[in-house]
Protein backbone atom coordinates (compact mmCIF):
# COMPACT_ATOMS: atom_id res chain seq x y z
CA UNK A 1 0.00 0.00 0.00
CA UNK A 2 1.39 3.40 -0.97
CA UNK A 3 1.94 6.24 1.47
CA UNK A 4 -0.88 8.73 1.97
CA UNK A 5 -0.09 12.33 2.83
CA UNK A 6 -1.89 15.63 2.95
CA UNK A 7 -1.09 19.27 3.52
CA UNK A 8 -3.64 21.81 4.68
CA UNK A 9 -2.88 24.79 2.44
CA UNK A 10 -5.55 27.07 3.91
CA UNK A 11 -7.87 26.71 6.91
CA UNK A 12 -11.02 28.45 5.71
CA UNK A 13 -13.63 27.83 8.44
CA UNK A 14 -14.56 25.72 11.43
CA UNK A 15 -18.22 24.83 10.90
CA UNK A 16 -18.84 23.07 14.23
CA UNK A 17 -17.17 21.38 17.20
CA UNK A 18 -18.40 18.36 19.15
CA UNK A 19 -17.96 17.54 22.86
CA UNK A 20 -14.78 15.53 22.25
CA UNK A 21 -13.08 18.45 20.49
CA UNK A 22 -13.39 17.18 16.92
CA UNK A 23 -14.24 19.94 14.45
CA UNK A 24 -16.00 19.95 11.10
CA UNK A 25 -13.88 22.18 8.86
CA UNK A 26 -13.75 23.65 5.38
CA UNK A 27 -10.13 23.66 4.23
CA UNK A 28 -8.09 23.82 1.04
CA UNK A 29 -6.03 20.60 1.07
CA UNK A 30 -3.43 18.99 -1.17
CA UNK A 31 -3.53 15.19 -1.12
CA UNK A 32 -0.40 13.26 -2.15
CA UNK A 33 1.22 16.38 -3.63
CA UNK A 34 -1.64 17.04 -6.06
CA UNK A 35 -3.37 20.35 -6.73
CA UNK A 36 -5.33 21.53 -3.67
CA UNK A 37 -9.08 20.92 -3.43
CA UNK A 38 -11.77 22.21 -1.12
CA UNK A 39 -12.52 19.73 1.61
CA UNK A 40 -15.25 19.43 4.25
CA UNK A 41 -14.61 16.81 6.94
CA UNK A 42 -14.21 16.13 10.65
CA UNK A 43 -10.79 16.59 12.24
CA UNK A 44 -9.39 15.60 15.61
CA UNK A 45 -7.79 18.31 17.76
CA UNK A 46 -4.54 19.38 16.10
CA UNK A 47 -5.65 17.96 12.73
CA UNK A 48 -3.81 14.68 13.44
CA UNK A 49 -6.71 12.40 12.47
CA UNK A 50 -9.46 12.87 9.91
CA UNK A 51 -12.95 11.51 9.55
CA UNK A 52 -14.93 10.88 6.40
CA UNK A 53 -15.66 13.91 4.31
CA UNK A 54 -16.23 15.33 0.87
CA UNK A 55 -13.69 16.90 -1.48
CA UNK A 56 -14.77 19.44 -4.09
CA UNK A 57 -13.20 21.05 -7.13
CA UNK A 58 -13.50 24.86 -7.27
CA UNK A 59 -16.33 24.61 -9.83
CA UNK A 60 -18.25 22.21 -7.57
CA UNK A 61 -17.83 24.54 -4.58
CA UNK A 62 -19.14 27.48 -6.65
CA UNK A 63 -22.19 25.44 -7.69
CA UNK A 64 -22.79 24.40 -4.07
CA UNK A 65 -22.52 28.04 -2.99
CA UNK A 66 -25.13 29.04 -5.58
CA UNK A 67 -27.48 26.27 -4.47
CA UNK A 68 -27.10 27.26 -0.80
CA UNK A 69 -27.70 30.93 -1.63
CA UNK A 70 -30.94 30.01 -3.41
CA UNK A 71 -32.36 28.15 -0.39
CA UNK A 72 -34.93 29.98 1.68
CA UNK A 73 -33.60 29.25 5.15
PDB file of N, CA and C in Angstrom:
ATOM      1  N   UNK A   1       0.849  -1.179   0.000  1.00  0.00           N
ATOM      2  CA  UNK A   1       0.000   0.000   0.000  1.00  0.00           C
ATOM      3  C   UNK A   1       0.890   1.237   0.000  1.00  0.00           C
ATOM      4  N   UNK A   2       0.568   2.204  -0.856  1.00  0.00           N
ATOM      5  CA  UNK A   2       1.394   3.396  -0.965  1.00  0.00           C
ATOM      6  C   UNK A   2       1.133   4.355   0.190  1.00  0.00           C
ATOM      7  N   UNK A   3       2.076   5.245   0.419  1.00  0.00           N
ATOM      8  CA  UNK A   3       1.937   6.241   1.473  1.00  0.00           C
ATOM      9  C   UNK A   3       0.851   7.243   1.109  1.00  0.00           C
ATOM     10  N   UNK A   4       0.161   7.714   2.130  1.00  0.00           N
ATOM     11  CA  UNK A   4      -0.875   8.734   1.966  1.00  0.00           C
ATOM     12  C   UNK A   4      -0.421   9.946   2.749  1.00  0.00           C
ATOM     13  N   UNK A   5      -0.431  11.123   2.097  1.00  0.00           N
ATOM     14  CA  UNK A   5      -0.092  12.331   2.834  1.00  0.00           C
ATOM     15  C   UNK A   5      -0.994  13.474   2.384  1.00  0.00           C
ATOM     16  N   UNK A   6      -1.071  14.462   3.230  1.00  0.00           N
ATOM     17  CA  UNK A   6      -1.888  15.633   2.946  1.00  0.00           C
ATOM     18  C   UNK A   6      -1.238  16.856   3.554  1.00  0.00           C
ATOM     19  N   UNK A   7      -1.566  18.000   2.982  1.00  0.00           N
ATOM     20  CA  UNK A   7      -1.088  19.269   3.524  1.00  0.00           C
ATOM     21  C   UNK A   7      -2.253  20.256   3.478  1.00  0.00           C
ATOM     22  N   UNK A   8      -2.594  20.791   4.626  1.00  0.00           N
ATOM     23  CA  UNK A   8      -3.638  21.805   4.679  1.00  0.00           C
ATOM     24  C   UNK A   8      -3.012  23.116   4.213  1.00  0.00           C
ATOM     25  N   UNK A   9      -3.426  23.566   3.032  1.00  0.00           N
ATOM     26  CA  UNK A   9      -2.878  24.785   2.442  1.00  0.00           C
ATOM     27  C   UNK A   9      -3.523  26.029   3.040  1.00  0.00           C
ATOM     28  N   UNK A  10      -4.833  25.931   3.340  1.00  0.00           N
ATOM     29  CA  UNK A  10      -5.546  27.071   3.913  1.00  0.00           C
ATOM     30  C   UNK A  10      -6.696  26.560   4.777  1.00  0.00           C
ATOM     31  N   UNK A  11      -6.741  27.018   6.024  1.00  0.00           N
ATOM     32  CA  UNK A  11      -7.869  26.714   6.907  1.00  0.00           C
ATOM     33  C   UNK A  11      -8.889  27.823   6.670  1.00  0.00           C
ATOM     34  N   UNK A  12     -10.035  27.455   6.106  1.00  0.00           N
ATOM     35  CA  UNK A  12     -11.020  28.446   5.713  1.00  0.00           C
ATOM     36  C   UNK A  12     -12.030  28.700   6.825  1.00  0.00           C
ATOM     37  N   UNK A  13     -12.608  27.629   7.404  1.00  0.00           N
ATOM     38  CA  UNK A  13     -13.630  27.832   8.440  1.00  0.00           C
ATOM     39  C   UNK A  13     -13.809  26.578   9.283  1.00  0.00           C
ATOM     40  N   UNK A  14     -14.103  26.797  10.554  1.00  0.00           N
ATOM     41  CA  UNK A  14     -14.563  25.721  11.431  1.00  0.00           C
ATOM     42  C   UNK A  14     -16.077  25.844  11.460  1.00  0.00           C
ATOM     43  N   UNK A  15     -16.769  24.803  11.005  1.00  0.00           N
ATOM     44  CA  UNK A  15     -18.223  24.834  10.898  1.00  0.00           C
ATOM     45  C   UNK A  15     -18.914  24.420  12.188  1.00  0.00           C
ATOM     46  N   UNK A  16     -18.282  23.508  12.953  1.00  0.00           N
ATOM     47  CA  UNK A  16     -18.845  23.072  14.232  1.00  0.00           C
ATOM     48  C   UNK A  16     -17.769  22.351  15.033  1.00  0.00           C
ATOM     49  N   UNK A  17     -18.067  22.144  16.321  1.00  0.00           N
ATOM     50  CA  UNK A  17     -17.167  21.382  17.202  1.00  0.00           C
ATOM     51  C   UNK A  17     -18.024  20.515  18.112  1.00  0.00           C
ATOM     52  N   UNK A  18     -17.625  19.236  18.262  1.00  0.00           N
ATOM     53  CA  UNK A  18     -18.396  18.362  19.149  1.00  0.00           C
ATOM     54  C   UNK A  18     -17.766  18.319  20.543  1.00  0.00           C
ATOM     55  N   UNK A  19     -18.394  17.580  21.458  1.00  0.00           N
ATOM     56  CA  UNK A  19     -17.955  17.537  22.856  1.00  0.00           C
ATOM     57  C   UNK A  19     -16.545  16.990  23.033  1.00  0.00           C
ATOM     58  N   UNK A  20     -16.111  16.115  22.124  1.00  0.00           N
ATOM     59  CA  UNK A  20     -14.777  15.525  22.251  1.00  0.00           C
ATOM     60  C   UNK A  20     -13.693  16.384  21.607  1.00  0.00           C
ATOM     61  N   UNK A  21     -14.067  17.536  21.055  1.00  0.00           N
ATOM     62  CA  UNK A  21     -13.083  18.448  20.489  1.00  0.00           C
ATOM     63  C   UNK A  21     -12.864  18.310  18.989  1.00  0.00           C
ATOM     64  N   UNK A  22     -13.502  17.307  18.378  1.00  0.00           N
ATOM     65  CA  UNK A  22     -13.395  17.175  16.920  1.00  0.00           C
ATOM     66  C   UNK A  22     -14.153  18.327  16.271  1.00  0.00           C
ATOM     67  N   UNK A  23     -13.610  18.833  15.162  1.00  0.00           N
ATOM     68  CA  UNK A  23     -14.235  19.944  14.454  1.00  0.00           C
ATOM     69  C   UNK A  23     -14.564  19.546  13.021  1.00  0.00           C
ATOM     70  N   UNK A  24     -15.666  20.090  12.516  1.00  0.00           N
ATOM     71  CA  UNK A  24     -16.001  19.946  11.102  1.00  0.00           C
ATOM     72  C   UNK A  24     -15.470  21.215  10.447  1.00  0.00           C
ATOM     73  N   UNK A  25     -14.578  21.045   9.439  1.00  0.00           N
ATOM     74  CA  UNK A  25     -13.885  22.185   8.861  1.00  0.00           C
ATOM     75  C   UNK A  25     -13.989  22.211   7.346  1.00  0.00           C
ATOM     76  N   UNK A  26     -13.931  23.432   6.807  1.00  0.00           N
ATOM     77  CA  UNK A  26     -13.752  23.647   5.378  1.00  0.00           C
ATOM     78  C   UNK A  26     -12.316  24.122   5.198  1.00  0.00           C
ATOM     79  N   UNK A  27     -11.544  23.342   4.451  1.00  0.00           N
ATOM     80  CA  UNK A  27     -10.135  23.655   4.226  1.00  0.00           C
ATOM     81  C   UNK A  27      -9.784  23.472   2.759  1.00  0.00           C
ATOM     82  N   UNK A  28      -8.674  24.059   2.359  1.00  0.00           N
ATOM     83  CA  UNK A  28      -8.086  23.819   1.042  1.00  0.00           C
ATOM     84  C   UNK A  28      -6.913  22.874   1.292  1.00  0.00           C
ATOM     85  N   UNK A  29      -6.989  21.647   0.733  1.00  0.00           N
ATOM     86  CA  UNK A  29      -6.026  20.596   1.068  1.00  0.00           C
ATOM     87  C   UNK A  29      -5.418  19.991  -0.196  1.00  0.00           C
ATOM     88  N   UNK A  30      -4.129  19.732  -0.120  1.00  0.00           N
ATOM     89  CA  UNK A  30      -3.431  18.994  -1.171  1.00  0.00           C
ATOM     90  C   UNK A  30      -3.221  17.570  -0.668  1.00  0.00           C
ATOM     91  N   UNK A  31      -3.713  16.601  -1.448  1.00  0.00           N
ATOM     92  CA  UNK A  31      -3.526  15.192  -1.119  1.00  0.00           C
ATOM     93  C   UNK A  31      -2.454  14.598  -2.029  1.00  0.00           C
ATOM     94  N   UNK A  32      -1.474  13.939  -1.417  1.00  0.00           N
ATOM     95  CA  UNK A  32      -0.397  13.263  -2.150  1.00  0.00           C
ATOM     96  C   UNK A  32       0.295  14.172  -3.160  1.00  0.00           C
ATOM     97  N   UNK A  33       0.486  15.449  -2.788  1.00  0.00           N
ATOM     98  CA  UNK A  33       1.220  16.382  -3.631  1.00  0.00           C
ATOM     99  C   UNK A  33       0.448  16.906  -4.831  1.00  0.00           C
ATOM    100  N   UNK A  34      -0.823  16.574  -4.926  1.00  0.00           N
ATOM    101  CA  UNK A  34      -1.641  17.037  -6.061  1.00  0.00           C
ATOM    102  C   UNK A  34      -2.153  18.449  -5.810  1.00  0.00           C
ATOM    103  N   UNK A  35      -2.792  19.013  -6.842  1.00  0.00           N
ATOM    104  CA  UNK A  35      -3.375  20.351  -6.731  1.00  0.00           C
ATOM    105  C   UNK A  35      -4.386  20.371  -5.582  1.00  0.00           C
ATOM    106  N   UNK A  36      -4.410  21.451  -4.808  1.00  0.00           N
ATOM    107  CA  UNK A  36      -5.328  21.528  -3.671  1.00  0.00           C
ATOM    108  C   UNK A  36      -6.790  21.525  -4.100  1.00  0.00           C
ATOM    109  N   UNK A  37      -7.638  20.959  -3.229  1.00  0.00           N
ATOM    110  CA  UNK A  37      -9.084  20.918  -3.430  1.00  0.00           C
ATOM    111  C   UNK A  37      -9.749  21.389  -2.149  1.00  0.00           C
ATOM    112  N   UNK A  38     -10.992  21.823  -2.293  1.00  0.00           N
ATOM    113  CA  UNK A  38     -11.773  22.214  -1.123  1.00  0.00           C
ATOM    114  C   UNK A  38     -12.293  20.961  -0.447  1.00  0.00           C
ATOM    115  N   UNK A  39     -12.263  20.948   0.866  1.00  0.00           N
ATOM    116  CA  UNK A  39     -12.516  19.726   1.607  1.00  0.00           C
ATOM    117  C   UNK A  39     -13.337  20.044   2.853  1.00  0.00           C
ATOM    118  N   UNK A  40     -14.433  19.310   3.039  1.00  0.00           N
ATOM    119  CA  UNK A  40     -15.253  19.430   4.248  1.00  0.00           C
ATOM    120  C   UNK A  40     -15.208  18.086   4.949  1.00  0.00           C
ATOM    121  N   UNK A  41     -14.686  18.063   6.190  1.00  0.00           N
ATOM    122  CA  UNK A  41     -14.613  16.814   6.944  1.00  0.00           C
ATOM    123  C   UNK A  41     -14.368  17.091   8.419  1.00  0.00           C
ATOM    124  N   UNK A  42     -14.493  16.049   9.225  1.00  0.00           N
ATOM    125  CA  UNK A  42     -14.214  16.126  10.655  1.00  0.00           C
ATOM    126  C   UNK A  42     -12.725  15.924  10.899  1.00  0.00           C
ATOM    127  N   UNK A  43     -12.203  16.683  11.864  1.00  0.00           N
ATOM    128  CA  UNK A  43     -10.789  16.593  12.244  1.00  0.00           C
ATOM    129  C   UNK A  43     -10.668  16.483  13.756  1.00  0.00           C
ATOM    130  N   UNK A  44      -9.696  15.680  14.182  1.00  0.00           N
ATOM    131  CA  UNK A  44      -9.386  15.601  15.607  1.00  0.00           C
ATOM    132  C   UNK A  44      -8.648  16.882  16.008  1.00  0.00           C
ATOM    133  N   UNK A  45      -8.569  17.147  17.313  1.00  0.00           N
ATOM    134  CA  UNK A  45      -7.792  18.305  17.756  1.00  0.00           C
ATOM    135  C   UNK A  45      -6.364  18.234  17.207  1.00  0.00           C
ATOM    136  N   UNK A  46      -5.876  19.330  16.669  1.00  0.00           N
ATOM    137  CA  UNK A  46      -4.537  19.380  16.102  1.00  0.00           C
ATOM    138  C   UNK A  46      -4.456  18.844  14.682  1.00  0.00           C
ATOM    139  N   UNK A  47      -5.587  18.478  14.102  1.00  0.00           N
ATOM    140  CA  UNK A  47      -5.650  17.956  12.730  1.00  0.00           C
ATOM    141  C   UNK A  47      -4.770  16.729  12.518  1.00  0.00           C
ATOM    142  N   UNK A  48      -4.633  15.888  13.555  1.00  0.00           N
ATOM    143  CA  UNK A  48      -3.809  14.683  13.443  1.00  0.00           C
ATOM    144  C   UNK A  48      -4.567  13.526  12.801  1.00  0.00           C
ATOM    145  N   UNK A  49      -5.883  13.457  13.046  1.00  0.00           N
ATOM    146  CA  UNK A  49      -6.711  12.397  12.471  1.00  0.00           C
ATOM    147  C   UNK A  49      -7.875  13.035  11.735  1.00  0.00           C
ATOM    148  N   UNK A  50      -8.330  12.360  10.674  1.00  0.00           N
ATOM    149  CA  UNK A  50      -9.455  12.873   9.910  1.00  0.00           C
ATOM    150  C   UNK A  50     -10.567  11.855   9.825  1.00  0.00           C
ATOM    151  N   UNK A  51     -11.792  12.355   9.760  1.00  0.00           N
ATOM    152  CA  UNK A  51     -12.950  11.514   9.549  1.00  0.00           C
ATOM    153  C   UNK A  51     -13.328  11.517   8.083  1.00  0.00           C
ATOM    154  N   UNK A  52     -14.445  10.880   7.781  1.00  0.00           N
ATOM    155  CA  UNK A  52     -14.929  10.881   6.404  1.00  0.00           C
ATOM    156  C   UNK A  52     -15.383  12.281   6.038  1.00  0.00           C
ATOM    157  N   UNK A  53     -15.267  12.587   4.757  1.00  0.00           N
ATOM    158  CA  UNK A  53     -15.660  13.909   4.306  1.00  0.00           C
ATOM    159  C   UNK A  53     -15.930  13.928   2.822  1.00  0.00           C
ATOM    160  N   UNK A  54     -15.993  15.132   2.297  1.00  0.00           N
ATOM    161  CA  UNK A  54     -16.227  15.327   0.871  1.00  0.00           C
ATOM    162  C   UNK A  54     -15.198  16.327   0.353  1.00  0.00           C
ATOM    163  N   UNK A  55     -14.684  16.045  -0.840  1.00  0.00           N
ATOM    164  CA  UNK A  55     -13.692  16.896  -1.483  1.00  0.00           C
ATOM    165  C   UNK A  55     -14.301  17.454  -2.755  1.00  0.00           C
ATOM    166  N   UNK A  56     -14.132  18.759  -2.968  1.00  0.00           N
ATOM    167  CA  UNK A  56     -14.768  19.438  -4.087  1.00  0.00           C
ATOM    168  C   UNK A  56     -13.756  20.221  -4.924  1.00  0.00           C
ATOM    169  N   UNK A  57     -13.936  20.172  -6.235  1.00  0.00           N
ATOM    170  CA  UNK A  57     -13.196  21.050  -7.127  1.00  0.00           C
ATOM    171  C   UNK A  57     -13.764  22.462  -6.956  1.00  0.00           C
ATOM    172  N   UNK A  58     -13.034  23.485  -7.399  1.00  0.00           N
ATOM    173  CA  UNK A  58     -13.496  24.863  -7.268  1.00  0.00           C
ATOM    174  C   UNK A  58     -14.865  25.046  -7.927  1.00  0.00           C
ATOM    175  N   UNK A  59     -15.060  24.475  -9.104  1.00  0.00           N
ATOM    176  CA  UNK A  59     -16.328  24.611  -9.826  1.00  0.00           C
ATOM    177  C   UNK A  59     -17.487  23.989  -9.034  1.00  0.00           C
ATOM    178  N   UNK A  60     -17.223  22.865  -8.379  1.00  0.00           N
ATOM    179  CA  UNK A  60     -18.252  22.215  -7.567  1.00  0.00           C
ATOM    180  C   UNK A  60     -18.603  23.069  -6.354  1.00  0.00           C
ATOM    181  N   UNK A  61     -17.597  23.682  -5.746  1.00  0.00           N
ATOM    182  CA  UNK A  61     -17.831  24.543  -4.584  1.00  0.00           C
ATOM    183  C   UNK A  61     -18.655  25.761  -4.988  1.00  0.00           C
ATOM    184  N   UNK A  62     -18.380  26.329  -6.152  1.00  0.00           N
ATOM    185  CA  UNK A  62     -19.144  27.478  -6.647  1.00  0.00           C
ATOM    186  C   UNK A  62     -20.600  27.077  -6.869  1.00  0.00           C
ATOM    187  N   UNK A  63     -20.817  25.906  -7.464  1.00  0.00           N
ATOM    188  CA  UNK A  63     -22.188  25.440  -7.692  1.00  0.00           C
ATOM    189  C   UNK A  63     -22.904  25.213  -6.356  1.00  0.00           C
ATOM    190  N   UNK A  64     -22.218  24.604  -5.393  1.00  0.00           N
ATOM    191  CA  UNK A  64     -22.795  24.397  -4.069  1.00  0.00           C
ATOM    192  C   UNK A  64     -23.145  25.730  -3.420  1.00  0.00           C
ATOM    193  N   UNK A  65     -22.262  26.699  -3.543  1.00  0.00           N
ATOM    194  CA  UNK A  65     -22.520  28.038  -2.991  1.00  0.00           C
ATOM    195  C   UNK A  65     -23.782  28.637  -3.596  1.00  0.00           C
ATOM    196  N   UNK A  66     -23.944  28.513  -4.912  1.00  0.00           N
ATOM    197  CA  UNK A  66     -25.128  29.042  -5.582  1.00  0.00           C
ATOM    198  C   UNK A  66     -26.396  28.349  -5.120  1.00  0.00           C
ATOM    199  N   UNK A  67     -26.320  27.037  -4.957  1.00  0.00           N
ATOM    200  CA  UNK A  67     -27.481  26.274  -4.471  1.00  0.00           C
ATOM    201  C   UNK A  67     -27.838  26.719  -3.057  1.00  0.00           C
ATOM    202  N   UNK A  68     -26.838  26.833  -2.185  1.00  0.00           N
ATOM    203  CA  UNK A  68     -27.105  27.257  -0.800  1.00  0.00           C
ATOM    204  C   UNK A  68     -27.682  28.662  -0.750  1.00  0.00           C
ATOM    205  N   UNK A  69     -27.174  29.560  -1.604  1.00  0.00           N
ATOM    206  CA  UNK A  69     -27.700  30.932  -1.632  1.00  0.00           C
ATOM    207  C   UNK A  69     -29.150  30.982  -2.083  1.00  0.00           C
ATOM    208  N   UNK A  70     -29.562  30.011  -2.895  1.00  0.00           N
ATOM    209  CA  UNK A  70     -30.937  30.011  -3.410  1.00  0.00           C
ATOM    210  C   UNK A  70     -31.943  29.410  -2.416  1.00  0.00           C
ATOM    211  N   UNK A  71     -31.451  28.739  -1.386  1.00  0.00           N
ATOM    212  CA  UNK A  71     -32.358  28.154  -0.390  1.00  0.00           C
ATOM    213  C   UNK A  71     -32.988  29.239   0.468  1.00  0.00           C
ATOM    214  N   UNK A  72     -34.244  29.040   0.799  1.00  0.00           N
ATOM    215  CA  UNK A  72     -34.935  29.984   1.681  1.00  0.00           C
ATOM    216  C   UNK A  72     -34.876  29.430   3.098  1.00  0.00           C
ATOM    217  N   UNK A  73     -33.813  29.755   3.790  1.00  0.00           N
ATOM    218  CA  UNK A  73     -33.603  29.247   5.147  1.00  0.00           C
ATOM    219  C   UNK A  73     -33.883  30.360   6.143  1.00  0.00           C
TER     220      UNK A  73
END
